[in-house]
C-alpha atoms as a PDB file:
ATOM      1  CA  MET A   1     128.267 151.549  87.388  1.00  0.00           C
ATOM      2  CA  THR A   2     129.909 154.590  85.182  1.00  0.00           C
ATOM      3  CA  THR A   3     131.960 153.996  82.181  1.00  0.00           C
ATOM      4  CA  LYS A   4     135.052 155.040  84.137  1.00  0.00           C
ATOM      5  CA  ASP A   5     134.414 152.597  86.885  1.00  0.00           C
ATOM      6  CA  LEU A   6     133.686 149.757  84.407  1.00  0.00           C
ATOM      7  CA  LEU A   7     136.897 150.448  82.671  1.00  0.00           C
ATOM      8  CA  ARG A   8     138.808 150.629  85.831  1.00  0.00           C
ATOM      9  CA  THR A   9     137.378 147.367  87.094  1.00  0.00           C
ATOM     10  CA  ILE A  10     138.361 145.345  84.075  1.00  0.00           C
ATOM     11  CA  ARG A  11     141.883 146.905  83.401  1.00  0.00           C
ATOM     12  CA  VAL A  12     145.139 145.195  84.754  1.00  0.00           C
ATOM     13  CA  GLU A  13     147.204 147.771  86.041  1.00  0.00           C
ATOM     14  CA  PRO A  14     150.844 147.617  84.781  1.00  0.00           C
ATOM     15  CA  GLY A  15     153.112 146.062  87.439  1.00  0.00           C
ATOM     16  CA  SER A  16     150.195 144.356  89.301  1.00  0.00           C
ATOM     17  CA  PRO A  17     149.376 140.740  89.046  1.00  0.00           C
ATOM     18  CA  ALA A  18     146.475 139.837  86.744  1.00  0.00           C
ATOM     19  CA  GLY A  19     144.846 137.903  89.597  1.00  0.00           C
ATOM     20  CA  LEU A  20     142.597 135.738  87.141  1.00  0.00           C
ATOM     21  CA  ALA A  21     141.606 133.234  89.908  1.00  0.00           C
ATOM     22  CA  ASP A  22     140.198 136.156  91.876  1.00  0.00           C
ATOM     23  CA  ARG A  23     138.163 137.842  88.985  1.00  0.00           C
ATOM     24  CA  GLU A  24     134.538 136.885  88.702  1.00  0.00           C
ATOM     25  CA  THR A  25     133.811 135.590  85.351  1.00  0.00           C
ATOM     26  CA  GLY A  26     130.135 135.804  86.026  1.00  0.00           C
ATOM     27  CA  SER A  27     130.228 139.518  87.013  1.00  0.00           C
ATOM     28  CA  ARG A  28     127.643 141.804  85.316  1.00  0.00           C
ATOM     29  CA  LEU A  29     130.016 144.909  85.845  1.00  0.00           C
ATOM     30  CA  GLY A  30     127.190 146.929  87.159  1.00  0.00           C
ATOM     31  CA  LEU A  31     125.223 146.865  83.879  1.00  0.00           C
ATOM     32  CA  GLY A  32     122.001 145.728  85.675  1.00  0.00           C
ATOM     33  CA  GLU A  33     119.505 143.308  83.838  1.00  0.00           C
ATOM     34  CA  LYS A  34     120.208 141.888  80.389  1.00  0.00           C
ATOM     35  CA  ALA A  35     117.736 144.189  78.821  1.00  0.00           C
ATOM     36  CA  ALA A  36     119.428 147.287  79.940  1.00  0.00           C
ATOM     37  CA  GLY A  37     122.782 145.779  78.780  1.00  0.00           C
ATOM     38  CA  VAL A  38     121.668 145.102  75.217  1.00  0.00           C
ATOM     39  CA  ALA A  39     120.175 148.592  74.957  1.00  0.00           C
ATOM     40  CA  ARG A  40     123.563 150.024  75.959  1.00  0.00           C
ATOM     41  CA  LEU A  41     125.342 147.930  73.590  1.00  0.00           C
ATOM     42  CA  ALA A  42     123.093 149.088  70.838  1.00  0.00           C
ATOM     43  CA  GLU A  43     124.037 152.722  71.575  1.00  0.00           C
ATOM     44  CA  LEU A  44     127.535 151.738  71.699  1.00  0.00           C
ATOM     45  CA  VAL A  45     127.646 150.205  68.323  1.00  0.00           C
ATOM     46  CA  VAL A  46     126.324 153.543  66.792  1.00  0.00           C
ATOM     47  CA  LYS A  47     128.952 155.489  68.603  1.00  0.00           C
ATOM     48  CA  LEU A  48     131.593 152.921  67.336  1.00  0.00           C
ATOM     49  CA  ALA A  49     130.633 153.425  63.893  1.00  0.00           C
ATOM     50  CA  VAL A  50     130.690 157.055  63.712  1.00  0.00           C
ATOM     51  CA  LEU A  51     134.133 157.120  65.388  1.00  0.00           C
ATOM     52  CA  HIS A  52     135.396 154.263  63.128  1.00  0.00           C
ATOM     53  CA  ASN A  53     134.323 156.362  60.110  1.00  0.00           C
ATOM     54  CA  ARG A  54     136.140 159.354  61.364  1.00  0.00           C
ATOM     55  CA  LEU A  55     139.212 157.138  62.179  1.00  0.00           C
ATOM     56  CA  TRP A  56     139.065 155.884  58.279  1.00  0.00           C
ATOM     57  CA  ALA A  57     138.605 159.300  57.135  1.00  0.00           C
ATOM     58  CA  GLU A  58     141.568 160.799  59.020  1.00  0.00           C
ATOM     59  CA  GLY A  59     143.778 157.961  57.824  1.00  0.00           C
ATOM     60  CA  GLU A  60     146.725 158.780  60.296  1.00  0.00           C
ATOM     61  CA  ARG A  61     146.385 156.416  63.401  1.00  0.00           C
ATOM     62  CA  SER A  62     145.200 153.015  63.740  1.00  0.00           C
ATOM     63  CA  VAL A  63     143.649 150.595  66.417  1.00  0.00           C
ATOM     64  CA  LEU A  64     144.347 146.899  67.052  1.00  0.00           C
ATOM     65  CA  LEU A  65     142.206 144.924  69.244  1.00  0.00           C
ATOM     66  CA  VAL A  66     143.663 141.785  70.648  1.00  0.00           C
ATOM     67  CA  LEU A  67     141.093 139.140  71.625  1.00  0.00           C
ATOM     68  CA  GLN A  68     142.256 136.102  73.572  1.00  0.00           C
ATOM     69  CA  GLY A  69     140.536 133.561  75.721  1.00  0.00           C
ATOM     70  CA  LEU A  70     139.920 129.828  76.212  1.00  0.00           C
ATOM     71  CA  ASP A  71     137.922 127.961  73.999  1.00  0.00           C
ATOM     72  CA  ALA A  72     133.979 129.080  73.858  1.00  0.00           C
ATOM     73  CA  SER A  73     134.903 132.473  75.729  1.00  0.00           C
ATOM     74  CA  GLY A  74     132.940 134.168  73.006  1.00  0.00           C
ATOM     75  CA  LYS A  75     135.733 135.766  70.688  1.00  0.00           C
ATOM     76  CA  ASP A  76     133.637 135.072  67.516  1.00  0.00           C
ATOM     77  CA  GLY A  77     130.580 136.290  69.143  1.00  0.00           C
ATOM     78  CA  THR A  78     132.113 139.344  70.422  1.00  0.00           C
ATOM     79  CA  ILE A  79     133.305 140.310  66.872  1.00  0.00           C
ATOM     80  CA  THR A  80     130.021 139.608  65.437  1.00  0.00           C
ATOM     81  CA  HIS A  81     128.170 141.879  67.865  1.00  0.00           C
ATOM     82  CA  ILE A  82     130.247 144.893  68.180  1.00  0.00           C
ATOM     83  CA  LEU A  83     131.544 145.205  64.721  1.00  0.00           C
ATOM     84  CA  SER A  84     128.220 145.057  62.802  1.00  0.00           C
ATOM     85  CA  GLY A  85     127.708 148.522  61.905  1.00  0.00           C
ATOM     86  CA  LEU A  86     131.508 149.330  60.927  1.00  0.00           C
ATOM     87  CA  ARG A  87     132.579 150.567  57.497  1.00  0.00           C
ATOM     88  CA  PRO A  88     134.141 147.330  55.798  1.00  0.00           C
ATOM     89  CA  GLN A  89     137.050 149.118  54.141  1.00  0.00           C
ATOM     90  CA  GLY A  90     138.571 150.065  57.458  1.00  0.00           C
ATOM     91  CA  CYS A  91     137.951 146.999  59.285  1.00  0.00           C
ATOM     92  CA  GLN A  92     140.110 143.804  59.244  1.00  0.00           C
ATOM     93  CA  ILE A  93     139.923 140.574  61.207  1.00  0.00           C
ATOM     94  CA  ALA A  94     143.050 138.257  61.453  1.00  0.00           C
ATOM     95  CA  ALA A  95     142.951 134.729  62.965  1.00  0.00           C
ATOM     96  CA  PHE A  96     146.138 133.116  64.159  1.00  0.00           C
ATOM     97  CA  LYS A  97     146.140 129.177  63.937  1.00  0.00           C
ATOM     98  CA  VAL A  98     149.085 126.921  64.352  1.00  0.00           C
ATOM     99  CA  PRO A  99     151.800 128.171  62.052  1.00  0.00           C
ATOM    100  CA  VAL A 100     152.608 126.359  58.909  1.00  0.00           C
ATOM    101  CA  GLY A 101     154.957 126.404  55.949  1.00  0.00           C
ATOM    102  CA  ASP A 102     156.565 129.884  55.395  1.00  0.00           C
ATOM    103  CA  GLU A 103     155.566 130.815  58.863  1.00  0.00           C
ATOM    104  CA  LEU A 104     157.596 128.366  60.388  1.00  0.00           C
ATOM    105  CA  ALA A 105     160.709 129.623  58.494  1.00  0.00           C
ATOM    106  CA  HIS A 106     160.513 133.041  60.251  1.00  0.00           C
ATOM    107  CA  ASP A 107     160.415 134.219  63.879  1.00  0.00           C
ATOM    108  CA  TYR A 108     157.049 133.905  65.537  1.00  0.00           C
ATOM    109  CA  LEU A 109     156.198 137.629  65.312  1.00  0.00           C
ATOM    110  CA  TRP A 110     156.718 137.825  61.498  1.00  0.00           C
ATOM    111  CA  ARG A 111     153.154 136.706  60.660  1.00  0.00           C
ATOM    112  CA  VAL A 112     151.717 138.776  63.301  1.00  0.00           C
ATOM    113  CA  HIS A 113     153.399 141.935  62.279  1.00  0.00           C
ATOM    114  CA  ALA A 114     152.029 141.573  58.669  1.00  0.00           C
ATOM    115  CA  GLN A 115     148.589 141.603  59.802  1.00  0.00           C
ATOM    116  CA  CYS A 116     148.861 144.831  61.822  1.00  0.00           C
ATOM    117  CA  PRO A 117     146.450 147.609  60.966  1.00  0.00           C
ATOM    118  CA  ARG A 118     147.540 150.287  58.280  1.00  0.00           C
ATOM    119  CA  ASP A 119     146.598 153.835  59.046  1.00  0.00           C
ATOM    120  CA  GLY A 120     143.000 154.452  59.471  1.00  0.00           C
ATOM    121  CA  GLU A 121     142.212 150.938  60.146  1.00  0.00           C
ATOM    122  CA  LEU A 122     140.800 149.107  63.134  1.00  0.00           C
ATOM    123  CA  THR A 123     142.273 145.444  63.100  1.00  0.00           C
ATOM    124  CA  ILE A 124     140.762 142.603  65.346  1.00  0.00           C
ATOM    125  CA  PHE A 125     143.059 139.544  66.133  1.00  0.00           C
ATOM    126  CA  ASN A 126     141.129 136.676  66.834  1.00  0.00           C
ATOM    127  CA  ARG A 127     143.797 134.971  68.923  1.00  0.00           C
ATOM    128  CA  SER A 128     147.185 136.520  68.530  1.00  0.00           C
ATOM    129  CA  HIS A 129     150.702 136.585  69.236  1.00  0.00           C
ATOM    130  CA  TYR A 130     150.046 135.339  72.636  1.00  0.00           C
ATOM    131  CA  GLU A 131     149.388 131.967  71.703  1.00  0.00           C
ATOM    132  CA  ASP A 132     152.931 131.838  71.374  1.00  0.00           C
ATOM    133  CA  VAL A 133     153.368 132.269  75.205  1.00  0.00           C
ATOM    134  CA  VAL A 134     150.214 130.482  76.184  1.00  0.00           C
ATOM    135  CA  ALA A 135     149.306 127.531  73.785  1.00  0.00           C
ATOM    136  CA  ALA A 136     152.988 126.897  72.792  1.00  0.00           C
ATOM    137  CA  ARG A 137     153.989 126.825  76.594  1.00  0.00           C
ATOM    138  CA  VAL A 138     151.059 124.444  77.915  1.00  0.00           C
ATOM    139  CA  ARG A 139     151.425 122.038  74.962  1.00  0.00           C
ATOM    140  CA  GLY A 140     155.022 121.959  75.369  1.00  0.00           C
ATOM    141  CA  VAL A 141     155.962 123.238  71.820  1.00  0.00           C
ATOM    142  CA  VAL A 142     158.909 125.245  72.933  1.00  0.00           C
ATOM    143  CA  PRO A 143     161.018 124.883  76.162  1.00  0.00           C
ATOM    144  CA  GLU A 144     160.742 127.630  79.094  1.00  0.00           C
ATOM    145  CA  ALA A 145     163.932 129.363  77.998  1.00  0.00           C
ATOM    146  CA  THR A 146     162.312 130.051  74.708  1.00  0.00           C
ATOM    147  CA  TRP A 147     158.699 131.355  75.735  1.00  0.00           C
ATOM    148  CA  ARG A 148     159.935 133.130  78.704  1.00  0.00           C
ATOM    149  CA  LYS A 149     162.125 135.359  76.614  1.00  0.00           C
ATOM    150  CA  ARG A 150     159.053 136.222  74.430  1.00  0.00           C
ATOM    151  CA  PHE A 151     157.408 138.339  77.285  1.00  0.00           C
ATOM    152  CA  ARG A 152     160.202 140.989  76.492  1.00  0.00           C
ATOM    153  CA  HIS A 153     159.862 140.621  72.899  1.00  0.00           C
ATOM    154  CA  ILE A 154     155.994 141.299  72.992  1.00  0.00           C
ATOM    155  CA  ARG A 155     156.399 144.120  75.317  1.00  0.00           C
ATOM    156  CA  GLU A 156     158.677 145.932  72.813  1.00  0.00           C
ATOM    157  CA  PHE A 157     156.959 144.873  69.744  1.00  0.00           C
ATOM    158  CA  GLU A 158     153.740 146.475  71.006  1.00  0.00           C
ATOM    159  CA  ARG A 159     155.759 149.589  71.894  1.00  0.00           C
ATOM    160  CA  LEU A 160     156.994 149.810  68.478  1.00  0.00           C
ATOM    161  CA  LEU A 161     153.395 149.748  67.308  1.00  0.00           C
ATOM    162  CA  THR A 162     152.258 152.280  69.761  1.00  0.00           C
ATOM    163  CA  ASP A 163     155.153 154.607  68.857  1.00  0.00           C
ATOM    164  CA  GLU A 164     154.231 154.338  65.202  1.00  0.00           C
ATOM    165  CA  GLY A 165     150.659 155.311  65.740  1.00  0.00           C
ATOM    166  CA  THR A 166     148.906 152.133  66.547  1.00  0.00           C
ATOM    167  CA  THR A 167     146.597 152.222  69.833  1.00  0.00           C
ATOM    168  CA  VAL A 168     146.769 148.589  71.183  1.00  0.00           C
ATOM    169  CA  VAL A 169     143.694 147.393  72.972  1.00  0.00           C
ATOM    170  CA  LYS A 170     144.009 143.848  74.714  1.00  0.00           C
ATOM    171  CA  VAL A 171     141.309 142.073  76.097  1.00  0.00           C
ATOM    172  CA  PHE A 172     141.113 138.587  77.697  1.00  0.00           C
ATOM    173  CA  LEU A 173     137.814 137.175  77.698  1.00  0.00           C
ATOM    174  CA  HIS A 174     137.439 135.257  81.171  1.00  0.00           C
ATOM    175  CA  VAL A 175     134.978 132.351  81.138  1.00  0.00           C
ATOM    176  CA  SER A 176     134.152 129.678  83.827  1.00  0.00           C
ATOM    177  CA  PRO A 177     134.895 125.873  83.212  1.00  0.00           C
ATOM    178  CA  GLU A 178     131.144 125.468  83.911  1.00  0.00           C
ATOM    179  CA  VAL A 179     129.984 127.872  81.139  1.00  0.00           C
ATOM    180  CA  GLN A 180     132.627 126.580  78.683  1.00  0.00           C
ATOM    181  CA  ARG A 181     131.218 123.001  79.230  1.00  0.00           C
ATOM    182  CA  SER A 182     127.947 124.276  78.374  1.00  0.00           C
ATOM    183  CA  ARG A 183     128.885 126.087  75.228  1.00  0.00           C
ATOM    184  CA  LEU A 184     131.177 123.299  73.934  1.00  0.00           C
ATOM    185  CA  GLN A 185     128.155 120.765  74.444  1.00  0.00           C
ATOM    186  CA  GLU A 186     125.999 123.243  72.611  1.00  0.00           C
ATOM    187  CA  ARG A 187     128.439 123.376  69.748  1.00  0.00           C
ATOM    188  CA  LEU A 188     128.778 119.858  69.554  1.00  0.00           C
ATOM    189  CA  ASP A 189     125.161 119.336  69.592  1.00  0.00           C
ATOM    190  CA  ASN A 190     124.141 121.871  67.039  1.00  0.00           C
ATOM    191  CA  PRO A 191     124.688 120.863  63.307  1.00  0.00           C
ATOM    192  CA  GLU A 192     125.169 124.446  62.309  1.00  0.00           C
ATOM    193  CA  LYS A 193     128.143 124.730  65.010  1.00  0.00           C
ATOM    194  CA  ALA A 194     129.441 121.244  65.185  1.00  0.00           C
ATOM    195  CA  TRP A 195     131.985 122.040  62.432  1.00  0.00           C
ATOM    196  CA  LYS A 196     133.890 124.203  64.915  1.00  0.00           C
ATOM    197  CA  PHE A 197     134.379 121.341  67.420  1.00  0.00           C
ATOM    198  CA  ARG A 198     137.852 119.774  67.526  1.00  0.00           C
ATOM    199  CA  ALA A 199     138.871 116.648  69.614  1.00  0.00           C
ATOM    200  CA  SER A 200     141.871 119.045  70.705  1.00  0.00           C
ATOM    201  CA  ASP A 201     139.235 121.195  72.497  1.00  0.00           C
ATOM    202  CA  LEU A 202     138.770 118.507  75.222  1.00  0.00           C
ATOM    203  CA  ASP A 203     142.722 117.943  75.444  1.00  0.00           C
ATOM    204  CA  ASP A 204     142.946 121.926  76.121  1.00  0.00           C
ATOM    205  CA  ARG A 205     139.809 121.713  78.549  1.00  0.00           C
ATOM    206  CA  ALA A 206     141.713 119.098  80.477  1.00  0.00           C
ATOM    207  CA  ARG A 207     144.575 121.387  80.905  1.00  0.00           C
ATOM    208  CA  TRP A 208     142.505 124.139  82.218  1.00  0.00           C
ATOM    209  CA  ASP A 209     144.537 125.045  85.292  1.00  0.00           C
ATOM    210  CA  ASP A 210     147.845 125.067  83.112  1.00  0.00           C
ATOM    211  CA  TYR A 211     146.201 127.494  80.703  1.00  0.00           C
ATOM    212  CA  LEU A 212     144.915 129.556  83.109  1.00  0.00           C
ATOM    213  CA  ALA A 213     148.246 129.843  84.943  1.00  0.00           C
ATOM    214  CA  ALA A 214     149.793 130.646  81.720  1.00  0.00           C
ATOM    215  CA  TYR A 215     147.374 133.301  80.657  1.00  0.00           C
ATOM    216  CA  ASP A 216     147.878 134.867  84.432  1.00  0.00           C
ATOM    217  CA  GLU A 217     151.515 134.978  83.918  1.00  0.00           C
ATOM    218  CA  ALA A 218     151.438 136.406  80.170  1.00  0.00           C
ATOM    219  CA  ILE A 219     148.868 138.995  81.215  1.00  0.00           C
ATOM    220  CA  THR A 220     150.910 139.989  84.187  1.00  0.00           C
ATOM    221  CA  GLU A 221     154.103 140.258  82.248  1.00  0.00           C
ATOM    222  CA  THR A 222     152.794 142.122  79.359  1.00  0.00           C
ATOM    223  CA  SER A 223     150.395 144.577  80.823  1.00  0.00           C
ATOM    224  CA  THR A 224     152.016 147.903  80.232  1.00  0.00           C
ATOM    225  CA  ASP A 225     151.516 151.603  80.187  1.00  0.00           C
ATOM    226  CA  TRP A 226     151.435 151.620  76.415  1.00  0.00           C
ATOM    227  CA  ALA A 227     149.361 148.529  75.957  1.00  0.00           C
ATOM    228  CA  PRO A 228     147.511 147.639  79.177  1.00  0.00           C
ATOM    229  CA  TRP A 229     145.348 144.293  79.125  1.00  0.00           C
ATOM    230  CA  HIS A 230     141.793 144.231  80.259  1.00  0.00           C
ATOM    231  CA  VAL A 231     140.173 141.084  81.789  1.00  0.00           C
ATOM    232  CA  VAL A 232     136.203 140.954  80.589  1.00  0.00           C
ATOM    233  CA  PRO A 233     133.831 138.563  82.353  1.00  0.00           C
ATOM    234  CA  ALA A 234     132.492 136.454  79.809  1.00  0.00           C
ATOM    235  CA  ASP A 235     130.087 133.961  81.311  1.00  0.00           C
ATOM    236  CA  HIS A 236     127.376 136.430  80.112  1.00  0.00           C
ATOM    237  CA  GLY A 237     127.751 137.085  76.498  1.00  0.00           C
ATOM    238  CA  TRP A 238     125.644 140.583  76.686  1.00  0.00           C
ATOM    239  CA  VAL A 239     127.994 141.598  79.452  1.00  0.00           C
ATOM    240  CA  ARG A 240     131.036 140.635  77.576  1.00  0.00           C
ATOM    241  CA  ASN A 241     129.790 142.363  74.216  1.00  0.00           C
ATOM    242  CA  ALA A 242     128.975 145.553  76.101  1.00  0.00           C
ATOM    243  CA  ALA A 243     132.093 145.813  77.954  1.00  0.00           C
ATOM    244  CA  VAL A 244     134.347 145.334  74.963  1.00  0.00           C
ATOM    245  CA  ALA A 245     132.358 147.929  72.893  1.00  0.00           C
ATOM    246  CA  GLU A 246     132.584 150.458  75.946  1.00  0.00           C
ATOM    247  CA  LEU A 247     136.333 149.860  75.864  1.00  0.00           C
ATOM    248  CA  LEU A 248     136.576 150.311  72.257  1.00  0.00           C
ATOM    249  CA  VAL A 249     134.432 153.389  72.337  1.00  0.00           C
ATOM    250  CA  SER A 250     136.345 154.873  75.049  1.00  0.00           C
ATOM    251  CA  THR A 251     139.594 154.204  73.198  1.00  0.00           C
ATOM    252  CA  LEU A 252     138.488 156.104  70.130  1.00  0.00           C
ATOM    253  CA  GLU A 253     136.886 159.078  71.973  1.00  0.00           C
ATOM    254  CA  ARG A 254     140.384 159.383  73.656  1.00  0.00           C
ATOM    255  CA  LEU A 255     141.870 159.353  70.219  1.00  0.00           C
ATOM    256  CA  ASN A 256     139.287 161.757  68.934  1.00  0.00           C
ATOM    257  CA  PRO A 257     139.913 161.158  65.317  1.00  0.00           C
ATOM    258  CA  VAL A 258     139.102 164.473  63.043  1.00  0.00           C
ATOM    259  CA  LEU A 259     137.683 164.431  59.729  1.00  0.00           C
ATOM    260  CA  PRO A 260     139.646 165.979  56.849  1.00  0.00           C
ATOM    261  CA  THR A 261     138.889 169.644  56.145  1.00  0.00           C
ATOM    262  CA  MET A 262     136.391 169.921  53.322  1.00  0.00           C
ATOM    263  CA  ASP A 263     137.620 171.792  50.110  1.00  0.00           C
ATOM    264  CA  PRO A 264     136.731 175.362  50.669  1.00  0.00           C
ATOM    265  CA  HIS A 265     135.743 175.549  46.729  1.00  0.00           C
ATOM    266  CA  LEU A 266     133.116 172.920  47.363  1.00  0.00           C
ATOM    267  CA  ARG A 267     131.161 174.879  50.068  1.00  0.00           C
ATOM    268  CA  GLY A 268     127.868 176.145  49.096  1.00  0.00           C
ATOM    269  CA  LEU A 269     127.846 174.145  45.963  1.00  0.00           C
ATOM    270  CA  GLU A 270     124.569 172.832  44.542  1.00  0.00           C
ATOM    271  CA  ILE A 271     124.636 169.807  42.567  1.00  0.00           C
ATOM    272  CA  THR A 272     122.303 169.789  39.430  1.00  0.00           C
END
């Protein structure tokens, strides 16, 4: 599968339903066997590092990667694998948990806007403002009249970011309940990972259908021309990583950041 075909497959066209129930969580997206996918990822990571360096040096635009997904869909793993070679100064990661303290005294987008990338940066949201139309909805934190209005807020918030020079890349990591069960069990059984397990993980798992329905509607309502959604099959970690890396590289290639022009007085200078 070509890059163009892969990106077309995972994209949710604005105005079309997300159709999560009909999307294969175990698809390999035409990447072939695991060895080929891992090799492709390695090439993409190198390309991403070069393009990210140019974005940072140019210092005029930014990229925001929004990662959403049910528990154990692989948000942390995706970040680890695709960002390994990036310049630390120009890369930020923000994780949004249940709002507390001062966050509760402001509108729900206040804390999110504060974490958006500065010019030249690539920022990754590990969970995001979409928790306020998914988790808040499923857990009954806010009434329907409140969370339903937020679809419009989010569309316009992301339009603002785009108009101001931030390219918003949104990814939903689509995992099956069977693979989630396996990963949660592995997490619980592994002393190095058990700390990540929470009893609330089981409560959320019991509401699987509710979460999937909430994500389906949220993605459908907020996949726009300026900030479209992409649904990435996440049962195979290597497919997930390669697909997100492909999407990021494609995004940066389209932006085509340019290195600053060298001071002409420095040309031909020999350092002694």
